[in-house]
Protein backbone atom coordinates (compact mmCIF):
# COMPACT_ATOMS: atom_id res chain seq x y z
CA MET A 1 -0.32 57.54 -105.24
CA LYS A 2 -0.58 61.05 -103.87
CA PHE A 3 -4.44 60.88 -104.17
CA LEU A 4 -4.44 57.50 -102.35
CA PHE A 5 -2.21 59.13 -99.49
CA ILE A 6 -4.66 61.71 -99.11
CA ILE A 7 -7.54 59.50 -99.17
CA CYS A 8 -5.89 57.30 -96.43
CA CYS A 9 -4.96 60.27 -94.10
CA ALA A 10 -8.59 61.32 -94.59
CA LEU A 11 -9.93 58.11 -93.44
CA LEU A 12 -7.37 58.09 -90.66
CA TRP A 13 -8.56 61.26 -89.36
CA VAL A 14 -12.24 60.23 -89.54
CA ALA A 15 -11.30 56.95 -87.57
CA ASN A 16 -9.53 58.84 -84.73
CA THR A 17 -12.23 61.70 -84.61
CA SER A 18 -15.05 58.92 -84.10
CA TYR A 19 -12.91 57.13 -81.46
CA ALA A 20 -12.23 60.27 -79.51
CA GLN A 21 -15.97 61.10 -79.70
CA GLN A 22 -16.68 57.73 -78.53
CA GLY A 23 -14.42 57.79 -75.65
CA LYS A 24 -15.41 61.44 -74.54
CA PRO A 25 -19.10 62.20 -73.70
CA ALA A 26 -20.80 64.79 -75.42
CA SER A 27 -20.88 68.42 -73.79
CA LEU A 28 -24.34 69.17 -72.07
CA ASN A 29 -25.27 72.53 -73.34
CA ALA A 30 -28.73 73.74 -72.85
CA SER A 31 -29.94 72.12 -76.11
CA ALA A 32 -28.27 68.72 -75.13
CA ILE A 33 -29.75 68.82 -71.51
CA ASN A 34 -33.36 69.26 -72.94
CA ALA A 35 -32.72 66.50 -75.37
CA LYS A 36 -31.87 64.27 -72.25
CA LEU A 37 -34.90 65.45 -70.64
CA LYS A 38 -37.05 64.42 -73.35
CA ASP A 39 -35.44 61.04 -73.54
CA ALA A 40 -36.41 60.76 -69.93
CA VAL A 41 -40.00 61.50 -70.52
CA LEU A 42 -40.04 58.86 -73.10
CA GLN A 43 -38.47 56.38 -70.77
CA TYR A 44 -41.02 57.11 -67.98
CA LYS A 45 -43.94 57.05 -70.52
CA TYR A 46 -42.83 53.45 -71.17
CA MET A 47 -42.63 52.77 -67.63
CA MET A 48 -46.07 53.80 -67.01
CA LYS A 49 -47.34 51.34 -69.12
CA HIS A 50 -45.78 48.49 -67.53
CA LEU A 51 -46.44 49.69 -63.96
CA PRO A 52 -49.32 47.73 -62.06
CA GLY A 53 -51.99 50.21 -60.84
CA ASP A 54 -51.21 49.72 -57.17
CA SER A 55 -47.46 49.62 -57.23
CA PHE A 56 -44.52 52.17 -57.30
CA PRO A 57 -41.43 51.06 -59.55
CA ARG A 58 -38.29 50.23 -57.62
CA SER A 59 -35.90 48.57 -60.13
CA PHE A 60 -35.72 46.37 -63.09
CA TYR A 61 -33.53 43.34 -63.80
CA PRO A 62 -32.14 43.30 -67.26
CA SER A 63 -30.94 40.03 -67.09
CA THR A 64 -34.40 38.51 -66.82
CA GLY A 65 -36.54 41.12 -67.98
CA LYS A 66 -38.43 41.61 -64.57
CA TYR A 67 -39.51 44.70 -62.67
CA PHE A 68 -39.08 45.09 -59.01
CA PHE A 69 -42.02 46.79 -57.59
CA SER A 70 -42.84 48.19 -54.13
CA ASN A 71 -46.00 49.37 -51.97
CA ALA A 72 -46.17 52.93 -50.73
CA GLU A 73 -44.22 52.19 -47.39
CA TRP A 74 -40.97 51.25 -49.26
CA TRP A 75 -38.62 54.26 -48.64
CA CYS A 76 -38.39 54.77 -52.07
CA SER A 77 -42.12 55.21 -52.97
CA GLY A 78 -41.69 59.16 -53.42
CA PHE A 79 -38.98 58.99 -56.13
CA TYR A 80 -41.41 57.83 -58.87
CA PRO A 81 -44.06 60.59 -58.43
CA GLY A 82 -41.05 63.23 -57.87
CA SER A 83 -39.31 62.22 -61.12
CA LEU A 84 -42.84 62.70 -62.87
CA LEU A 85 -43.11 65.95 -61.53
CA LEU A 86 -39.68 67.34 -62.01
CA LEU A 87 -39.95 66.10 -65.68
CA TYR A 88 -43.23 67.75 -66.21
CA GLU A 89 -41.70 70.96 -64.69
CA GLU A 90 -38.86 71.08 -67.24
CA THR A 91 -40.96 69.81 -70.49
CA GLY A 92 -44.54 70.66 -69.62
CA ASP A 93 -45.55 67.05 -70.64
CA LYS A 94 -49.16 66.99 -69.12
CA LYS A 95 -49.28 63.20 -69.18
CA LEU A 96 -46.56 63.11 -66.48
CA LEU A 97 -48.62 65.24 -64.36
CA ALA A 98 -51.70 63.16 -64.88
CA GLU A 99 -49.71 60.14 -63.79
CA ALA A 100 -48.29 62.02 -60.72
CA HIS A 101 -51.94 62.90 -59.98
CA ARG A 102 -52.74 59.32 -60.17
CA ILE A 103 -50.39 57.87 -57.93
CA LEU A 104 -49.82 60.47 -55.23
CA PRO A 105 -53.18 59.53 -53.46
CA MET A 106 -51.85 55.90 -52.93
CA LEU A 107 -48.91 57.63 -50.94
CA GLN A 108 -50.97 59.79 -48.95
CA SER A 109 -51.53 57.33 -46.00
CA GLN A 110 -47.77 57.58 -45.36
CA GLN A 111 -48.05 60.91 -43.85
CA PHE A 112 -49.12 59.24 -40.55
CA ASN A 113 -46.32 56.58 -40.70
CA LYS A 114 -44.17 56.87 -37.61
CA GLY A 115 -42.12 53.77 -38.04
CA THR A 116 -39.75 55.21 -40.62
CA HIS A 117 -37.02 58.07 -40.72
CA ASP A 118 -37.31 58.11 -44.62
CA LEU A 119 -40.43 60.21 -44.63
CA GLY A 120 -38.42 62.88 -46.40
CA PHE A 121 -37.43 60.74 -49.23
CA MET A 122 -41.10 59.42 -49.28
CA MET A 123 -43.10 62.62 -48.82
CA TYR A 124 -41.06 65.56 -49.67
CA CYS A 125 -39.70 64.32 -53.10
CA SER A 126 -43.24 63.72 -54.00
CA PHE A 127 -45.77 66.13 -52.20
CA GLY A 128 -43.04 68.69 -51.76
CA ASN A 129 -42.66 69.03 -55.47
CA ALA A 130 -46.40 68.80 -56.02
CA PHE A 131 -46.88 71.72 -53.58
CA ARG A 132 -43.97 73.78 -54.98
CA LEU A 133 -45.53 73.36 -58.65
CA GLU A 134 -49.37 73.47 -57.74
CA LYS A 135 -49.59 75.27 -54.39
CA ASN A 136 -52.30 72.73 -53.27
CA ASN A 137 -53.14 73.16 -49.71
CA SER A 138 -53.82 69.81 -49.27
CA TYR A 139 -50.42 68.93 -50.20
CA LYS A 140 -49.19 71.33 -47.51
CA THR A 141 -51.31 69.58 -44.85
CA ILE A 142 -49.61 66.39 -46.02
CA ILE A 143 -46.09 67.66 -45.65
CA ILE A 144 -46.83 69.23 -42.24
CA ASN A 145 -48.36 65.89 -40.96
CA SER A 146 -45.37 64.06 -42.45
CA ALA A 147 -42.88 66.12 -40.63
CA ALA A 148 -44.96 65.59 -37.47
CA SER A 149 -44.50 62.00 -37.95
CA LEU A 150 -40.97 62.11 -38.42
CA LYS A 151 -40.57 64.41 -35.43
CA THR A 152 -41.68 61.60 -33.17
CA ARG A 153 -38.55 59.64 -33.83
CA PHE A 154 -36.20 62.34 -32.22
CA ASN A 155 -34.44 61.48 -29.13
CA GLU A 156 -33.19 64.67 -27.24
CA LYS A 157 -30.79 62.91 -25.06
CA ILE A 158 -28.99 61.64 -28.20
CA GLY A 159 -29.67 64.66 -30.28
CA CYS A 160 -30.79 62.45 -33.40
CA LEU A 161 -33.78 60.95 -35.20
CA ARG A 162 -33.69 57.14 -34.85
CA SER A 163 -33.15 55.62 -38.25
CA TRP A 164 -33.86 51.83 -38.34
CA ASN A 165 -36.10 50.21 -35.76
CA ASN A 166 -34.39 47.31 -33.96
CA SER A 167 -35.44 44.70 -31.47
CA ASN A 168 -32.65 45.64 -29.00
CA PRO A 169 -34.12 48.54 -26.78
CA ASN A 170 -30.27 49.38 -25.88
CA ASP A 171 -29.63 50.15 -29.33
CA PHE A 172 -30.34 53.51 -31.13
CA LEU A 173 -29.11 53.26 -34.82
CA VAL A 174 -28.62 56.38 -36.90
CA ILE A 175 -27.67 56.10 -40.57
CA ILE A 176 -25.78 59.04 -42.61
CA ASP A 177 -28.79 58.70 -45.05
CA ASN A 178 -31.10 60.31 -42.59
CA MET A 179 -29.56 63.88 -43.19
CA MET A 180 -31.54 63.82 -46.43
CA ASN A 181 -34.86 63.94 -44.46
CA LEU A 182 -34.26 67.16 -42.43
CA GLU A 183 -35.40 69.22 -45.41
CA LEU A 184 -38.81 68.14 -44.76
CA LEU A 185 -38.53 69.22 -41.14
CA CYS A 186 -37.14 72.70 -42.18
CA GLU A 187 -40.02 73.02 -44.76
CA ALA A 188 -42.73 72.38 -41.91
CA THR A 189 -41.15 75.13 -39.83
CA ARG A 190 -41.59 77.43 -42.91
CA MET A 191 -45.13 76.36 -43.58
CA THR A 192 -46.45 76.46 -39.92
CA GLY A 193 -44.11 79.10 -38.10
CA ASP A 194 -43.40 76.27 -35.49
CA SER A 195 -39.61 76.29 -34.88
CA SER A 196 -39.44 72.97 -33.10
CA TYR A 197 -39.28 71.22 -36.56
CA TYR A 198 -36.16 73.29 -37.48
CA LYS A 199 -34.54 72.73 -34.20
CA VAL A 200 -34.78 69.00 -34.45
CA ALA A 201 -33.19 69.27 -38.05
CA VAL A 202 -30.28 71.31 -36.80
CA THR A 203 -29.85 69.13 -33.69
CA HIS A 204 -29.59 65.98 -35.84
CA ALA A 205 -27.28 67.73 -38.11
CA ASN A 206 -24.94 68.89 -35.53
CA THR A 207 -24.94 65.50 -34.00
CA THR A 208 -24.16 63.72 -37.17
CA MET A 209 -21.35 66.31 -37.95
CA ALA A 210 -19.82 65.46 -34.53
CA ASN A 211 -20.10 61.48 -34.75
CA HIS A 212 -20.53 60.35 -38.11
CA TYR A 213 -17.30 61.84 -39.83
CA ARG A 214 -13.80 60.79 -39.52
CA ASN A 215 -10.75 63.03 -39.51
CA ASP A 216 -10.59 62.98 -43.36
CA TYR A 217 -14.30 63.84 -43.65
CA SER A 218 -15.06 60.20 -44.76
CA SER A 219 -18.25 59.00 -43.14
CA TRP A 220 -19.27 55.98 -41.29
CA HIS A 221 -22.45 54.51 -42.39
CA VAL A 222 -24.10 53.63 -39.08
CA ILE A 223 -23.81 55.05 -35.49
CA ASN A 224 -25.20 53.07 -32.70
CA TYR A 225 -25.95 55.20 -29.75
CA ASP A 226 -26.87 54.16 -26.10
CA PRO A 227 -30.47 55.65 -25.67
CA ALA A 228 -29.72 55.68 -21.86
CA THR A 229 -26.62 57.86 -21.84
CA GLY A 230 -26.81 59.25 -25.45
CA ASN A 231 -23.10 58.02 -26.08
CA VAL A 232 -21.71 56.39 -29.11
CA LYS A 233 -21.64 52.79 -28.72
CA GLN A 234 -20.51 51.50 -32.21
CA LYS A 235 -19.31 53.06 -35.44
CA LYS A 236 -20.09 50.54 -38.45
CA THR A 237 -21.47 49.70 -41.78
CA ALA A 238 -24.41 47.93 -43.20
CA GLN A 239 -24.07 48.53 -46.88
CA GLY A 240 -20.33 49.39 -47.19
CA ALA A 241 -17.47 47.10 -47.86
CA ALA A 242 -16.20 47.36 -44.19
CA ASP A 243 -16.96 49.20 -40.96
CA SER A 244 -13.84 51.44 -41.86
CA SER A 245 -14.53 51.93 -45.57
CA ALA A 246 -16.35 54.92 -47.34
CA TRP A 247 -19.49 53.64 -48.70
CA ALA A 248 -20.05 55.66 -51.95
CA ARG A 249 -23.55 56.45 -51.71
CA GLY A 250 -23.35 57.45 -47.87
CA GLN A 251 -20.54 59.92 -48.87
CA SER A 252 -23.04 61.63 -51.30
CA TRP A 253 -26.12 61.59 -49.04
CA GLY A 254 -23.81 63.59 -46.64
CA LEU A 255 -22.53 65.95 -49.05
CA TYR A 256 -26.16 66.61 -50.33
CA GLY A 257 -27.44 66.61 -46.91
CA PHE A 258 -25.03 69.36 -45.54
CA THR A 259 -25.24 71.36 -48.54
CA MET A 260 -29.07 71.50 -48.11
CA MET A 261 -28.75 72.41 -44.61
CA TYR A 262 -26.53 75.28 -45.36
CA ARG A 263 -29.30 76.56 -47.81
CA GLU A 264 -31.92 76.20 -44.92
CA THR A 265 -29.84 77.81 -42.09
CA LYS A 266 -26.97 79.92 -43.75
CA ASP A 267 -24.90 78.42 -40.74
CA ILE A 268 -21.43 78.57 -42.21
CA ARG A 269 -20.37 75.48 -40.37
CA TYR A 270 -22.65 73.46 -42.73
CA LEU A 271 -21.00 74.97 -45.64
CA ASP A 272 -17.65 74.20 -44.43
CA GLN A 273 -18.67 70.63 -43.70
CA ALA A 274 -19.96 70.16 -47.31
CA VAL A 275 -16.91 71.74 -48.82
CA HIS A 276 -14.60 69.29 -46.76
CA ILE A 277 -16.61 66.21 -47.91
CA ALA A 278 -16.49 67.32 -51.38
CA ASP A 279 -12.73 68.01 -51.20
CA TYR A 280 -12.22 64.27 -49.81
CA LEU A 281 -14.35 62.80 -52.55
CA LEU A 282 -12.86 64.74 -55.42
CA SER A 283 -9.40 64.29 -54.29
CA HIS A 284 -9.73 60.45 -53.53
CA PRO A 285 -7.06 58.31 -55.07
CA GLN A 286 -9.67 55.67 -56.05
CA LEU A 287 -12.23 58.05 -57.55
CA PRO A 288 -12.26 57.02 -61.22
CA ALA A 289 -11.14 59.53 -63.77
CA ASP A 290 -14.82 59.93 -65.17
CA LYS A 291 -15.91 60.56 -61.58
CA ILE A 292 -18.51 57.75 -61.32
CA PRO A 293 -17.45 56.19 -57.90
CA TYR A 294 -17.10 52.60 -57.31
CA TRP A 295 -19.78 51.34 -54.94
CA ASP A 296 -17.43 51.76 -52.10
CA TYR A 297 -14.31 54.12 -52.16
CA ASP A 298 -12.39 51.37 -50.52
CA ALA A 299 -14.20 48.34 -52.37
CA PRO A 300 -12.25 45.16 -52.72
CA GLY A 301 -11.26 44.51 -56.52
CA ILE A 302 -10.82 47.98 -57.65
CA PRO A 303 -10.56 48.83 -60.66
CA ASN A 304 -12.72 46.01 -61.50
CA ALA A 305 -15.15 46.82 -58.62
CA LEU A 306 -19.00 47.78 -59.65
CA ARG A 307 -19.70 51.58 -60.18
CA ASP A 308 -22.85 53.08 -58.45
CA ALA A 309 -24.58 55.64 -60.84
CA SER A 310 -26.94 56.45 -57.87
CA ALA A 311 -23.76 57.83 -55.82
CA ALA A 312 -22.83 59.77 -58.93
CA SER A 313 -26.23 61.29 -59.50
CA ILE A 314 -26.75 62.49 -56.02
CA MET A 315 -23.18 63.67 -55.91
CA ALA A 316 -23.68 65.80 -59.13
CA SER A 317 -26.82 67.21 -57.75
CA ALA A 318 -24.94 68.22 -54.57
CA LEU A 319 -22.15 69.72 -56.20
CA LEU A 320 -24.32 71.88 -58.36
CA GLU A 321 -25.85 73.45 -55.32
CA LEU A 322 -22.73 73.61 -53.67
CA GLN A 323 -21.24 75.81 -56.55
CA ALA A 324 -23.97 78.36 -55.94
CA TYR A 325 -22.70 79.01 -52.46
CA HIS A 326 -18.93 78.73 -52.95
CA THR A 327 -16.29 81.20 -54.93
CA ASP A 328 -14.34 78.13 -55.96
CA ALA A 329 -15.25 77.20 -59.31
CA ARG A 330 -13.91 73.60 -59.30
CA TYR A 331 -17.40 71.95 -58.35
CA LEU A 332 -19.21 72.90 -61.65
CA PRO A 333 -16.63 71.09 -64.02
CA VAL A 334 -16.92 67.85 -61.82
CA ALA A 335 -20.73 68.15 -61.92
CA LYS A 336 -20.83 68.33 -65.49
CA GLN A 337 -18.42 65.63 -66.03
CA ILE A 338 -20.51 63.15 -64.05
CA LEU A 339 -23.47 64.31 -65.97
CA GLN A 340 -22.03 63.83 -69.25
CA VAL A 341 -20.81 60.66 -68.63
CA LEU A 342 -24.19 59.38 -67.13
CA SER A 343 -25.57 60.79 -70.14
CA SER A 344 -23.51 58.58 -72.28
CA GLU A 345 -24.27 55.10 -73.59
CA LYS A 346 -22.34 53.57 -70.91
CA TYR A 347 -25.05 54.47 -68.29
CA HIS A 348 -27.92 56.04 -70.24
CA ALA A 349 -30.42 53.25 -71.08
CA LYS A 350 -31.56 53.27 -74.74
CA ALA A 351 -35.22 54.03 -75.63
CA GLY A 352 -37.62 51.37 -74.41
CA ALA A 353 -34.80 49.36 -72.76
CA ASN A 354 -34.01 49.09 -68.94
CA GLY A 355 -37.56 48.81 -67.86
CA GLY A 356 -38.18 52.52 -68.56
CA PHE A 357 -35.52 53.53 -65.95
CA ILE A 358 -32.99 56.15 -67.45
CA LEU A 359 -30.04 55.06 -65.77
CA GLU A 360 -27.98 51.75 -65.67
CA HIS A 361 -25.56 50.48 -63.20
CA SER A 362 -26.56 51.28 -59.62
CA VAL A 363 -25.83 49.37 -56.43
CA GLY A 364 -28.24 49.23 -53.81
CA SER A 365 -26.60 46.90 -51.13
CA LEU A 366 -23.85 44.70 -52.28
CA PRO A 367 -23.35 43.00 -49.01
CA ALA A 368 -26.90 41.96 -48.83
CA LYS A 369 -26.86 41.19 -52.64
CA SER A 370 -29.75 43.31 -53.09
CA GLU A 371 -30.38 45.36 -56.28
CA VAL A 372 -26.72 44.96 -57.57
CA ASP A 373 -25.80 46.54 -60.72
CA VAL A 374 -29.48 47.43 -61.84
CA PRO A 375 -31.41 50.56 -62.44
CA LEU A 376 -32.69 52.29 -59.23
CA THR A 377 -35.50 54.74 -58.85
CA TYR A 378 -33.70 57.23 -56.84
CA ALA A 379 -30.56 57.34 -59.12
CA ASP A 380 -33.17 58.55 -61.95
CA TYR A 381 -34.65 60.99 -59.40
CA TYR A 382 -31.36 62.79 -58.57
CA TYR A 383 -30.15 62.61 -62.15
CA ILE A 384 -33.05 64.52 -63.36
CA GLU A 385 -32.74 67.01 -60.51
CA ALA A 386 -29.10 67.68 -61.33
CA LEU A 387 -30.00 67.96 -65.20
CA ALA A 388 -32.51 70.63 -64.08
CA ARG A 389 -30.07 72.48 -61.86
CA LEU A 390 -27.40 72.42 -64.64
CA LYS A 391 -30.05 73.76 -67.04
CA LYS A 392 -30.71 76.77 -64.81
CA MET A 393 -27.05 77.62 -64.67
CA GLN A 394 -26.63 77.67 -68.45
CA PRO A 395 -26.17 81.03 -70.11
């Protein structure tokens, strides 16, 4: 009987240990990070085999097994080559570099596209990484031309770059996402010595800080300005749950954008803004315990609302950079927790599944019923970037 009791206790201990391991994602040390990066390489090699030669991967619908591709003009086109280059940098796999070299020329024409504010996403995540790794002067020229195209969207009276083109000439729409495109302008000033790019970036950031943020440091998604007076006409959402809500990915864009602007300018106001945004997010009563946000912090149906892995990966990458500039050590543990959860079976796709995308369960635009609970190319990009940043912070 004593022997049976010992056996039962041992089995119970194993069962409890297994349950605990399943419930808590594994810690991400340097070895685990490298393993996840190698998994990502396998996924992208799988994706490469299913990618039409003239297209960029946008998403994949697990329910139907169908891909969603885009052309070079889609705002997400730069994330695929960018992800390939980040993975090449971390693993040295030259097949990824060769694929990046294959697809970059298809994006090259967008350097002269003045009809979009997303040239930072499109051209800096792609050619910016390519130039950083290879120092090819043709890439430098493309970056400068892209910044010049982006700068044409700046309105001096308003102090912002126009985001969306609209048919009403009395509207000037600016979205919080546009903070992410300012890095391209700062890089152009470094490359050329022309301070006008930098001044546009700083002016846009200052105007955004003044008008996009509420007293609690949550952000509206869209600000509509009067181009005749420069005054704010309307504060609203397009992809959030309501005009008054905190759309999750938008909050992450703002956190990342102001952290990046502190890096570029060393202006303490931007660091303070990033800290305030981070504090708002991390103390939000509806941020889940695992730190993967709902698609909107005020989404209806919480706790059964959809999560957004893309908002989480952007936030993790931003928090890792923010930690480098701040003595408060609380941002690193949260970023690590987010990456651990994203690296778990709940969000990290199995090899050969998910169309080759790494992360599952992102939300593009729920109000528009577009890209809902599917993988998204930018979720992967910022997840890879965050893993690489965390790897550099390991002992």
